[in-house]
Amino acid sequence: MNLAPQVHTAQISDADLDDIAGGQAGASPAGLGTAAGFYVEAGPVGIGGGVGAGVSPEGVAADAHLHAASF
């Protein structure tokens, strides 16, 4: 008896995948964006982070991130 999980796959065209995944970012000729970030080291600790935002005819994108490291 084969107890291995079975996975079914299907073919999907690139155009259909673009519709599902939200299209191709940056494909538009017009858009606006901005970003800002920082990095600070104090002794054995480093902290960095940033924010960003962009607007195009396809929609709005934003991100924020924070990183910490101990050396």
PDB file of N, CA and C in Angstrom:
ATOM      1  N   MET A   1       0.845  -1.169   0.000  1.00  0.00           N
ATOM      2  CA  MET A   1       0.000   0.000   0.000  1.00  0.00           C
ATOM      3  C   MET A   1       0.899   1.242   0.000  1.00  0.00           C
ATOM      4  N   ASN A   2       0.601   2.188  -0.893  1.00  0.00           N
ATOM      5  CA  ASN A   2       1.367   3.428  -1.004  1.00  0.00           C
ATOM      6  C   ASN A   2       0.670   4.504  -0.188  1.00  0.00           C
ATOM      7  N   LEU A   3       1.302   4.962   0.897  1.00  0.00           N
ATOM      8  CA  LEU A   3       0.702   5.977   1.770  1.00  0.00           C
ATOM      9  C   LEU A   3       1.242   7.376   1.486  1.00  0.00           C
ATOM     10  N   ALA A   4       2.047   7.535   0.438  1.00  0.00           N
ATOM     11  CA  ALA A   4       2.601   8.851   0.097  1.00  0.00           C
ATOM     12  C   ALA A   4       1.482   9.791  -0.321  1.00  0.00           C
ATOM     13  N   PRO A   5       1.554  11.071   0.091  1.00  0.00           N
ATOM     14  CA  PRO A   5       0.530  12.041  -0.319  1.00  0.00           C
ATOM     15  C   PRO A   5       0.507  12.199  -1.834  1.00  0.00           C
ATOM     16  N   GLN A   6      -0.650  12.345  -2.397  1.00  0.00           N
ATOM     17  CA  GLN A   6      -0.810  12.527  -3.829  1.00  0.00           C
ATOM     18  C   GLN A   6      -1.135  13.988  -4.120  1.00  0.00           C
ATOM     19  N   VAL A   7      -0.467  14.560  -5.116  1.00  0.00           N
ATOM     20  CA  VAL A   7      -0.689  15.950  -5.502  1.00  0.00           C
ATOM     21  C   VAL A   7      -1.090  15.975  -6.970  1.00  0.00           C
ATOM     22  N   HIS A   8      -2.187  16.658  -7.261  1.00  0.00           N
ATOM     23  CA  HIS A   8      -2.641  16.808  -8.639  1.00  0.00           C
ATOM     24  C   HIS A   8      -2.180  18.163  -9.149  1.00  0.00           C
ATOM     25  N   THR A   9      -1.680  18.228 -10.359  1.00  0.00           N
ATOM     26  CA  THR A   9      -1.226  19.480 -10.955  1.00  0.00           C
ATOM     27  C   THR A   9      -2.059  19.790 -12.183  1.00  0.00           C
ATOM     28  N   ALA A  10      -2.061  21.065 -12.573  1.00  0.00           N
ATOM     29  CA  ALA A  10      -2.794  21.495 -13.762  1.00  0.00           C
ATOM     30  C   ALA A  10      -1.953  22.528 -14.498  1.00  0.00           C
ATOM     31  N   GLN A  11      -2.125  22.595 -15.794  1.00  0.00           N
ATOM     32  CA  GLN A  11      -1.442  23.602 -16.600  1.00  0.00           C
ATOM     33  C   GLN A  11      -2.226  24.902 -16.533  1.00  0.00           C
ATOM     34  N   ILE A  12      -1.516  26.033 -16.438  1.00  0.00           N
ATOM     35  CA  ILE A  12      -2.154  27.343 -16.442  1.00  0.00           C
ATOM     36  C   ILE A  12      -1.293  28.278 -17.293  1.00  0.00           C
ATOM     37  N   SER A  13      -1.943  29.086 -18.103  1.00  0.00           N
ATOM     38  CA  SER A  13      -1.199  29.987 -18.993  1.00  0.00           C
ATOM     39  C   SER A  13      -0.628  31.159 -18.196  1.00  0.00           C
ATOM     40  N   ASP A  14       0.379  31.812 -18.761  1.00  0.00           N
ATOM     41  CA  ASP A  14       0.971  32.984 -18.112  1.00  0.00           C
ATOM     42  C   ASP A  14      -0.060  34.100 -17.933  1.00  0.00           C
ATOM     43  N   ALA A  15      -0.918  34.294 -18.929  1.00  0.00           N
ATOM     44  CA  ALA A  15      -1.931  35.348 -18.841  1.00  0.00           C
ATOM     45  C   ALA A  15      -2.910  35.067 -17.701  1.00  0.00           C
ATOM     46  N   ASP A  16      -3.347  33.813 -17.577  1.00  0.00           N
ATOM     47  CA  ASP A  16      -4.250  33.463 -16.486  1.00  0.00           C
ATOM     48  C   ASP A  16      -3.563  33.625 -15.136  1.00  0.00           C
ATOM     49  N   LEU A  17      -2.283  33.271 -15.059  1.00  0.00           N
ATOM     50  CA  LEU A  17      -1.540  33.411 -13.811  1.00  0.00           C
ATOM     51  C   LEU A  17      -1.395  34.878 -13.431  1.00  0.00           C
ATOM     52  N   ASP A  18      -1.168  35.761 -14.403  1.00  0.00           N
ATOM     53  CA  ASP A  18      -1.089  37.192 -14.122  1.00  0.00           C
ATOM     54  C   ASP A  18      -2.392  37.709 -13.527  1.00  0.00           C
ATOM     55  N   ASP A  19      -3.539  37.231 -14.039  1.00  0.00           N
ATOM     56  CA  ASP A  19      -4.834  37.652 -13.506  1.00  0.00           C
ATOM     57  C   ASP A  19      -5.006  37.189 -12.061  1.00  0.00           C
ATOM     58  N   ILE A  20      -4.563  35.989 -11.756  1.00  0.00           N
ATOM     59  CA  ILE A  20      -4.696  35.447 -10.399  1.00  0.00           C
ATOM     60  C   ILE A  20      -3.752  36.153  -9.440  1.00  0.00           C
ATOM     61  N   ALA A  21      -2.511  36.377  -9.871  1.00  0.00           N
ATOM     62  CA  ALA A  21      -1.474  36.923  -8.992  1.00  0.00           C
ATOM     63  C   ALA A  21      -1.501  38.443  -8.923  1.00  0.00           C
ATOM     64  N   GLY A  22      -2.407  39.104  -9.625  1.00  0.00           N
ATOM     65  CA  GLY A  22      -2.481  40.552  -9.554  1.00  0.00           C
ATOM     66  C   GLY A  22      -1.743  41.264 -10.665  1.00  0.00           C
ATOM     67  N   GLY A  23      -1.329  40.553 -11.688  1.00  0.00           N
ATOM     68  CA  GLY A  23      -0.680  41.196 -12.817  1.00  0.00           C
ATOM     69  C   GLY A  23       0.815  41.310 -12.649  1.00  0.00           C
ATOM     70  N   GLN A  24       1.412  42.081 -13.521  1.00  0.00           N
ATOM     71  CA  GLN A  24       2.855  42.274 -13.505  1.00  0.00           C
ATOM     72  C   GLN A  24       3.169  43.635 -12.907  1.00  0.00           C
ATOM     73  N   ALA A  25       3.832  43.652 -11.774  1.00  0.00           N
ATOM     74  CA  ALA A  25       4.201  44.910 -11.131  1.00  0.00           C
ATOM     75  C   ALA A  25       5.175  45.665 -12.015  1.00  0.00           C
ATOM     76  N   GLY A  26       5.005  46.944 -12.108  1.00  0.00           N
ATOM     77  CA  GLY A  26       5.920  47.762 -12.883  1.00  0.00           C
ATOM     78  C   GLY A  26       5.651  47.766 -14.376  1.00  0.00           C
ATOM     79  N   ALA A  27       4.603  47.110 -14.819  1.00  0.00           N
ATOM     80  CA  ALA A  27       4.312  47.062 -16.248  1.00  0.00           C
ATOM     81  C   ALA A  27       3.712  48.372 -16.740  1.00  0.00           C
ATOM     82  N   SER A  28       3.210  49.186 -15.836  1.00  0.00           N
ATOM     83  CA  SER A  28       2.591  50.440 -16.211  1.00  0.00           C
ATOM     84  C   SER A  28       3.651  51.504 -16.519  1.00  0.00           C
ATOM     85  N   PRO A  29       3.402  52.357 -17.523  1.00  0.00           N
ATOM     86  CA  PRO A  29       4.377  53.401 -17.825  1.00  0.00           C
ATOM     87  C   PRO A  29       4.359  54.554 -16.823  1.00  0.00           C
ATOM     88  N   ALA A  30       3.338  54.646 -15.968  1.00  0.00           N
ATOM     89  CA  ALA A  30       3.248  55.765 -15.032  1.00  0.00           C
ATOM     90  C   ALA A  30       3.022  55.256 -13.617  1.00  0.00           C
ATOM     91  N   GLY A  31       3.678  55.885 -12.680  1.00  0.00           N
ATOM     92  CA  GLY A  31       3.484  55.523 -11.275  1.00  0.00           C
ATOM     93  C   GLY A  31       4.336  56.420 -10.397  1.00  0.00           C
ATOM     94  N   LEU A  32       3.987  56.469  -9.133  1.00  0.00           N
ATOM     95  CA  LEU A  32       4.718  57.276  -8.163  1.00  0.00           C
ATOM     96  C   LEU A  32       5.088  56.404  -6.973  1.00  0.00           C
ATOM     97  N   GLY A  33       6.214  56.701  -6.351  1.00  0.00           N
ATOM     98  CA  GLY A  33       6.619  55.932  -5.181  1.00  0.00           C
ATOM     99  C   GLY A  33       7.567  56.714  -4.306  1.00  0.00           C
ATOM    100  N   THR A  34       7.675  56.276  -3.075  1.00  0.00           N
ATOM    101  CA  THR A  34       8.589  56.905  -2.131  1.00  0.00           C
ATOM    102  C   THR A  34       9.047  55.862  -1.126  1.00  0.00           C
ATOM    103  N   ALA A  35      10.202  56.101  -0.514  1.00  0.00           N
ATOM    104  CA  ALA A  35      10.728  55.179   0.491  1.00  0.00           C
ATOM    105  C   ALA A  35      11.643  55.941   1.438  1.00  0.00           C
ATOM    106  N   ALA A  36      11.753  55.431   2.656  1.00  0.00           N
ATOM    107  CA  ALA A  36      12.662  56.005   3.653  1.00  0.00           C
ATOM    108  C   ALA A  36      13.132  54.879   4.558  1.00  0.00           C
ATOM    109  N   GLY A  37      14.358  54.998   5.043  1.00  0.00           N
ATOM    110  CA  GLY A  37      14.889  53.948   5.904  1.00  0.00           C
ATOM    111  C   GLY A  37      15.929  54.493   6.866  1.00  0.00           C
ATOM    112  N   PHE A  38      16.339  53.623   7.801  1.00  0.00           N
ATOM    113  CA  PHE A  38      17.356  54.023   8.777  1.00  0.00           C
ATOM    114  C   PHE A  38      18.163  52.809   9.195  1.00  0.00           C
ATOM    115  N   TYR A  39      19.341  53.064   9.735  1.00  0.00           N
ATOM    116  CA  TYR A  39      20.176  52.016  10.310  1.00  0.00           C
ATOM    117  C   TYR A  39      20.996  52.640  11.431  1.00  0.00           C
ATOM    118  N   VAL A  40      21.000  51.995  12.608  1.00  0.00           N
ATOM    119  CA  VAL A  40      21.718  52.498  13.772  1.00  0.00           C
ATOM    120  C   VAL A  40      22.482  51.350  14.403  1.00  0.00           C
ATOM    121  N   GLU A  41      23.738  51.601  14.776  1.00  0.00           N
ATOM    122  CA  GLU A  41      24.529  50.633  15.529  1.00  0.00           C
ATOM    123  C   GLU A  41      24.891  51.241  16.868  1.00  0.00           C
ATOM    124  N   ALA A  42      24.734  50.426  17.922  1.00  0.00           N
ATOM    125  CA  ALA A  42      25.121  50.846  19.272  1.00  0.00           C
ATOM    126  C   ALA A  42      25.760  49.645  19.947  1.00  0.00           C
ATOM    127  N   GLY A  43      27.082  49.664  20.075  1.00  0.00           N
ATOM    128  CA  GLY A  43      27.773  48.520  20.662  1.00  0.00           C
ATOM    129  C   GLY A  43      27.555  47.278  19.830  1.00  0.00           C
ATOM    130  N   PRO A  44      27.104  46.201  20.441  1.00  0.00           N
ATOM    131  CA  PRO A  44      26.932  44.941  19.709  1.00  0.00           C
ATOM    132  C   PRO A  44      25.556  44.783  19.047  1.00  0.00           C
ATOM    133  N   VAL A  45      24.780  45.844  18.944  1.00  0.00           N
ATOM    134  CA  VAL A  45      23.421  45.739  18.400  1.00  0.00           C
ATOM    135  C   VAL A  45      23.262  46.670  17.206  1.00  0.00           C
ATOM    136  N   GLY A  46      22.648  46.168  16.159  1.00  0.00           N
ATOM    137  CA  GLY A  46      22.302  46.984  14.995  1.00  0.00           C
ATOM    138  C   GLY A  46      20.816  46.900  14.739  1.00  0.00           C
ATOM    139  N   ILE A  47      20.201  48.040  14.462  1.00  0.00           N
ATOM    140  CA  ILE A  47      18.759  48.093  14.202  1.00  0.00           C
ATOM    141  C   ILE A  47      18.548  48.887  12.918  1.00  0.00           C
ATOM    142  N   GLY A  48      17.747  48.350  12.029  1.00  0.00           N
ATOM    143  CA  GLY A  48      17.430  49.033  10.782  1.00  0.00           C
ATOM    144  C   GLY A  48      15.974  48.837  10.439  1.00  0.00           C
ATOM    145  N   GLY A  49      15.466  49.726   9.640  1.00  0.00           N
ATOM    146  CA  GLY A  49      14.068  49.604   9.239  1.00  0.00           C
ATOM    147  C   GLY A  49      13.750  50.570   8.128  1.00  0.00           C
ATOM    148  N   GLY A  50      12.538  50.513   7.663  1.00  0.00           N
ATOM    149  CA  GLY A  50      12.124  51.420   6.610  1.00  0.00           C
ATOM    150  C   GLY A  50      10.664  51.254   6.251  1.00  0.00           C
ATOM    151  N   VAL A  51      10.188  52.190   5.458  1.00  0.00           N
ATOM    152  CA  VAL A  51       8.823  52.160   4.943  1.00  0.00           C
ATOM    153  C   VAL A  51       8.869  52.542   3.472  1.00  0.00           C
ATOM    154  N   GLY A  52       7.906  52.111   2.734  1.00  0.00           N
ATOM    155  CA  GLY A  52       7.816  52.454   1.324  1.00  0.00           C
ATOM    156  C   GLY A  52       6.377  52.407   0.854  1.00  0.00           C
ATOM    157  N   ALA A  53       6.088  53.154  -0.192  1.00  0.00           N
ATOM    158  CA  ALA A  53       4.739  53.163  -0.764  1.00  0.00           C
ATOM    159  C   ALA A  53       4.840  53.479  -2.245  1.00  0.00           C
ATOM    160  N   GLY A  54       3.933  52.934  -3.003  1.00  0.00           N
ATOM    161  CA  GLY A  54       3.887  53.200  -4.435  1.00  0.00           C
ATOM    162  C   GLY A  54       2.464  53.174  -4.944  1.00  0.00           C
ATOM    163  N   VAL A  55       2.205  53.967  -5.977  1.00  0.00           N
ATOM    164  CA  VAL A  55       0.881  54.048  -6.582  1.00  0.00           C
ATOM    165  C   VAL A  55       1.047  53.963  -8.091  1.00  0.00           C
ATOM    166  N   SER A  56       0.250  53.131  -8.733  1.00  0.00           N
ATOM    167  CA  SER A  56       0.237  53.026 -10.184  1.00  0.00           C
ATOM    168  C   SER A  56      -1.198  52.755 -10.628  1.00  0.00           C
ATOM    169  N   PRO A  57      -1.466  52.779 -11.922  1.00  0.00           N
ATOM    170  CA  PRO A  57      -2.826  52.456 -12.375  1.00  0.00           C
ATOM    171  C   PRO A  57      -3.292  51.058 -11.959  1.00  0.00           C
ATOM    172  N   GLU A  58      -2.339  50.154 -11.669  1.00  0.00           N
ATOM    173  CA  GLU A  58      -2.710  48.805 -11.248  1.00  0.00           C
ATOM    174  C   GLU A  58      -3.109  48.739  -9.776  1.00  0.00           C
ATOM    175  N   GLY A  59      -2.717  49.728  -8.963  1.00  0.00           N
ATOM    176  CA  GLY A  59      -3.087  49.695  -7.555  1.00  0.00           C
ATOM    177  C   GLY A  59      -2.069  50.382  -6.679  1.00  0.00           C
ATOM    178  N   VAL A  60      -2.168  50.101  -5.390  1.00  0.00           N
ATOM    179  CA  VAL A  60      -1.331  50.723  -4.369  1.00  0.00           C
ATOM    180  C   VAL A  60      -0.534  49.634  -3.669  1.00  0.00           C
ATOM    181  N   ALA A  61       0.725  49.923  -3.373  1.00  0.00           N
ATOM    182  CA  ALA A  61       1.572  48.977  -2.641  1.00  0.00           C
ATOM    183  C   ALA A  61       2.257  49.720  -1.502  1.00  0.00           C
ATOM    184  N   ALA A  62       2.413  49.030  -0.367  1.00  0.00           N
ATOM    185  CA  ALA A  62       3.092  49.638   0.784  1.00  0.00           C
ATOM    186  C   ALA A  62       3.818  48.547   1.554  1.00  0.00           C
ATOM    187  N   ASP A  63       4.898  48.937   2.218  1.00  0.00           N
ATOM    188  CA  ASP A  63       5.587  47.977   3.059  1.00  0.00           C
ATOM    189  C   ASP A  63       6.278  48.699   4.205  1.00  0.00           C
ATOM    190  N   ALA A  64       6.493  47.962   5.268  1.00  0.00           N
ATOM    191  CA  ALA A  64       7.250  48.452   6.422  1.00  0.00           C
ATOM    192  C   ALA A  64       8.054  47.282   6.955  1.00  0.00           C
ATOM    193  N   HIS A  65       9.268  47.543   7.400  1.00  0.00           N
ATOM    194  CA  HIS A  65      10.091  46.452   7.916  1.00  0.00           C
ATOM    195  C   HIS A  65      11.033  46.972   9.007  1.00  0.00           C
ATOM    196  N   LEU A  66      11.390  46.050   9.893  1.00  0.00           N
ATOM    197  CA  LEU A  66      12.296  46.348  10.988  1.00  0.00           C
ATOM    198  C   LEU A  66      13.215  45.160  11.169  1.00  0.00           C
ATOM    199  N   HIS A  67      14.507  45.417  11.280  1.00  0.00           N
ATOM    200  CA  HIS A  67      15.498  44.347  11.452  1.00  0.00           C
ATOM    201  C   HIS A  67      16.370  44.668  12.658  1.00  0.00           C
ATOM    202  N   ALA A  68      16.697  43.655  13.424  1.00  0.00           N
ATOM    203  CA  ALA A  68      17.610  43.818  14.548  1.00  0.00           C
ATOM    204  C   ALA A  68      18.638  42.698  14.498  1.00  0.00           C
ATOM    205  N   ALA A  69      19.887  43.037  14.828  1.00  0.00           N
ATOM    206  CA  ALA A  69      20.954  42.045  14.812  1.00  0.00           C
ATOM    207  C   ALA A  69      21.874  42.280  16.005  1.00  0.00           C
ATOM    208  N   SER A  70      22.392  41.188  16.520  1.00  0.00           N
ATOM    209  CA  SER A  70      23.374  41.255  17.598  1.00  0.00           C
ATOM    210  C   SER A  70      24.676  40.723  17.059  1.00  0.00           C
ATOM    211  N   PHE A  71      25.760  41.482  17.209  1.00  0.00           N
ATOM    212  CA  PHE A  71      27.052  41.109  16.644  1.00  0.00           C
ATOM    213  C   PHE A  71      27.909  40.394  17.653  1.00  0.00           C
TER     214      PHE A  71
END
